[in-house]
Amino acid sequence: AASSLASQLREPLERLLDARPGHQVLITGHSLGAGVACLLCLLWRPWLGERVRAVGFATPQVLDLDSARRAGGLGVTTVIVGSDVVPRLSLCSAEA
């Protein structure tokens, strides 16, 4: 989904940002949408640099541990409330 969105939105977003050089892009989402927002941010980071950030709420695990640790330095923030199971569920935790 993130790869498809990245392709579909690149041209219109490029036009908008060209017309608004001081603006930034903030991508948000909840649950599965947060996972897409995170991946979209990482896909666009090489193109937009620090102009793109993502904030995800209850983001499911869409990255491996090393990539997730690096994502924070690449504009991705996740918010988890209490003991929400969605952000903590992964193949590894399901097998345990």
C-alpha atoms as a PDB file:
ATOM      1  CA  ALA A   1       0.000   0.000   0.000  1.00  0.00           C
ATOM      2  CA  ALA A   2       2.779   2.469   0.909  1.00  0.00           C
ATOM      3  CA  SER A   3       4.683   1.809  -2.302  1.00  0.00           C
ATOM      4  CA  SER A   4       1.552   2.295  -4.386  1.00  0.00           C
ATOM      5  CA  LEU A   5       0.680   5.535  -2.564  1.00  0.00           C
ATOM      6  CA  ALA A   6       4.242   6.790  -2.945  1.00  0.00           C
ATOM      7  CA  SER A   7       3.991   6.389  -6.709  1.00  0.00           C
ATOM      8  CA  GLN A   8       0.462   7.779  -7.061  1.00  0.00           C
ATOM      9  CA  LEU A   9       1.021  10.834  -4.869  1.00  0.00           C
ATOM     10  CA  ARG A  10       4.522  11.837  -5.891  1.00  0.00           C
ATOM     11  CA  GLU A  11       3.611  14.022  -8.877  1.00  0.00           C
ATOM     12  CA  PRO A  12       0.734  15.937  -7.230  1.00  0.00           C
ATOM     13  CA  LEU A  13       2.751  16.350  -4.034  1.00  0.00           C
ATOM     14  CA  GLU A  14       5.739  17.607  -6.010  1.00  0.00           C
ATOM     15  CA  ARG A  15       3.548  20.280  -7.628  1.00  0.00           C
ATOM     16  CA  LEU A  16       2.155  21.349  -4.250  1.00  0.00           C
ATOM     17  CA  LEU A  17       5.577  21.541  -2.614  1.00  0.00           C
ATOM     18  CA  ASP A  18       7.062  23.444  -5.550  1.00  0.00           C
ATOM     19  CA  ALA A  19       4.329  26.054  -5.061  1.00  0.00           C
ATOM     20  CA  ARG A  20       4.961  26.098  -1.284  1.00  0.00           C
ATOM     21  CA  PRO A  21       8.724  25.821  -0.743  1.00  0.00           C
ATOM     22  CA  GLY A  22       8.546  26.493   3.006  1.00  0.00           C
ATOM     23  CA  HIS A  23       5.970  23.801   3.752  1.00  0.00           C
ATOM     24  CA  GLN A  24       6.567  20.330   5.125  1.00  0.00           C
ATOM     25  CA  VAL A  25       4.673  17.047   4.836  1.00  0.00           C
ATOM     26  CA  LEU A  26       3.286  15.353   7.948  1.00  0.00           C
ATOM     27  CA  ILE A  27       1.798  11.916   7.382  1.00  0.00           C
ATOM     28  CA  THR A  28      -0.403  10.472  10.121  1.00  0.00           C
ATOM     29  CA  GLY A  29      -2.355   7.294  10.613  1.00  0.00           C
ATOM     30  CA  HIS A  30      -3.865   4.932  13.136  1.00  0.00           C
ATOM     31  CA  SER A  31      -3.247   1.193  13.345  1.00  0.00           C
ATOM     32  CA  LEU A  32      -2.746  -0.167   9.808  1.00  0.00           C
ATOM     33  CA  GLY A  33      -2.823   3.392   8.452  1.00  0.00           C
ATOM     34  CA  ALA A  34      -0.001   4.248  10.842  1.00  0.00           C
ATOM     35  CA  GLY A  35       2.070   1.426   9.409  1.00  0.00           C
ATOM     36  CA  VAL A  36       1.478   2.788   5.906  1.00  0.00           C
ATOM     37  CA  ALA A  37       2.343   6.322   7.087  1.00  0.00           C
ATOM     38  CA  CYS A  38       5.618   5.089   8.589  1.00  0.00           C
ATOM     39  CA  LEU A  39       6.628   3.243   5.434  1.00  0.00           C
ATOM     40  CA  LEU A  40       5.560   6.130   3.193  1.00  0.00           C
ATOM     41  CA  CYS A  41       7.703   8.519   5.214  1.00  0.00           C
ATOM     42  CA  LEU A  42      10.718   6.237   4.889  1.00  0.00           C
ATOM     43  CA  LEU A  43      10.119   5.815   1.142  1.00  0.00           C
ATOM     44  CA  TRP A  44       9.915   9.585   0.619  1.00  0.00           C
ATOM     45  CA  ARG A  45      12.770  10.527   2.949  1.00  0.00           C
ATOM     46  CA  PRO A  46      15.477  10.209   0.223  1.00  0.00           C
ATOM     47  CA  TRP A  47      13.379  12.494  -2.022  1.00  0.00           C
ATOM     48  CA  LEU A  48      12.058  15.039   0.521  1.00  0.00           C
ATOM     49  CA  GLY A  49      14.685  14.832   3.237  1.00  0.00           C
ATOM     50  CA  GLU A  50      13.652  16.532   6.463  1.00  0.00           C
ATOM     51  CA  ARG A  51      10.548  17.988   4.818  1.00  0.00           C
ATOM     52  CA  VAL A  52       8.669  14.745   5.541  1.00  0.00           C
ATOM     53  CA  ARG A  53       7.728  13.280   8.925  1.00  0.00           C
ATOM     54  CA  ALA A  54       5.237  10.692  10.135  1.00  0.00           C
ATOM     55  CA  VAL A  55       3.314  10.270  13.365  1.00  0.00           C
ATOM     56  CA  GLY A  56       1.619   6.933  13.871  1.00  0.00           C
ATOM     57  CA  PHE A  57      -0.876   5.994  16.545  1.00  0.00           C
ATOM     58  CA  ALA A  58      -0.916   2.313  17.565  1.00  0.00           C
ATOM     59  CA  THR A  59       1.454   1.489  14.700  1.00  0.00           C
ATOM     60  CA  PRO A  60       1.785  -2.241  14.032  1.00  0.00           C
ATOM     61  CA  GLN A  61       5.260  -3.666  13.643  1.00  0.00           C
ATOM     62  CA  VAL A  62       6.126  -3.094   9.980  1.00  0.00           C
ATOM     63  CA  LEU A  63       9.919  -2.963  10.376  1.00  0.00           C
ATOM     64  CA  ASP A  64      12.560  -5.225  11.838  1.00  0.00           C
ATOM     65  CA  LEU A  65      14.194  -4.085  15.092  1.00  0.00           C
ATOM     66  CA  ASP A  66      17.242  -2.387  13.528  1.00  0.00           C
ATOM     67  CA  SER A  67      15.136  -0.531  10.948  1.00  0.00           C
ATOM     68  CA  ALA A  68      12.657   0.542  13.629  1.00  0.00           C
ATOM     69  CA  ARG A  69      15.482   1.985  15.729  1.00  0.00           C
ATOM     70  CA  ARG A  70      16.765   3.978  12.740  1.00  0.00           C
ATOM     71  CA  ALA A  71      13.282   5.174  11.770  1.00  0.00           C
ATOM     72  CA  GLY A  72      13.135   7.541  14.746  1.00  0.00           C
ATOM     73  CA  GLY A  73      16.068   9.469  13.315  1.00  0.00           C
ATOM     74  CA  LEU A  74      14.363   9.542   9.924  1.00  0.00           C
ATOM     75  CA  GLY A  75      11.239  11.429  10.965  1.00  0.00           C
ATOM     76  CA  VAL A  76       9.034   8.616  12.256  1.00  0.00           C
ATOM     77  CA  THR A  77       7.300   8.903  15.640  1.00  0.00           C
ATOM     78  CA  THR A  78       4.911   6.336  17.067  1.00  0.00           C
ATOM     79  CA  VAL A  79       2.486   6.784  19.941  1.00  0.00           C
ATOM     80  CA  ILE A  80       1.351   3.781  21.974  1.00  0.00           C
ATOM     81  CA  VAL A  81      -1.274   4.039  24.711  1.00  0.00           C
ATOM     82  CA  GLY A  82      -0.959   1.747  27.711  1.00  0.00           C
ATOM     83  CA  SER A  83      -0.699  -1.919  26.910  1.00  0.00           C
ATOM     84  CA  ASP A  84      -2.249  -1.803  23.414  1.00  0.00           C
ATOM     85  CA  VAL A  85      -1.572  -5.183  21.834  1.00  0.00           C
ATOM     86  CA  VAL A  86      -1.449  -4.065  18.148  1.00  0.00           C
ATOM     87  CA  PRO A  87       1.939  -2.291  18.334  1.00  0.00           C
ATOM     88  CA  ARG A  88       3.427  -5.147  20.327  1.00  0.00           C
ATOM     89  CA  LEU A  89       2.206  -7.993  18.151  1.00  0.00           C
ATOM     90  CA  SER A  90       4.692  -9.502  15.716  1.00  0.00           C
ATOM     91  CA  LEU A  91       5.422 -12.906  14.290  1.00  0.00           C
ATOM     92  CA  CYS A  92       8.097 -13.367  16.934  1.00  0.00           C
ATOM     93  CA  SER A  93       5.799 -12.404  19.827  1.00  0.00           C
ATOM     94  CA  ALA A  94       2.963 -14.559  18.441  1.00  0.00           C
ATOM     95  CA  GLU A  95       5.241 -17.607  18.340  1.00  0.00           C
ATOM     96  CA  ALA A  96       6.441 -17.074  21.920  1.00  0.00           C
END
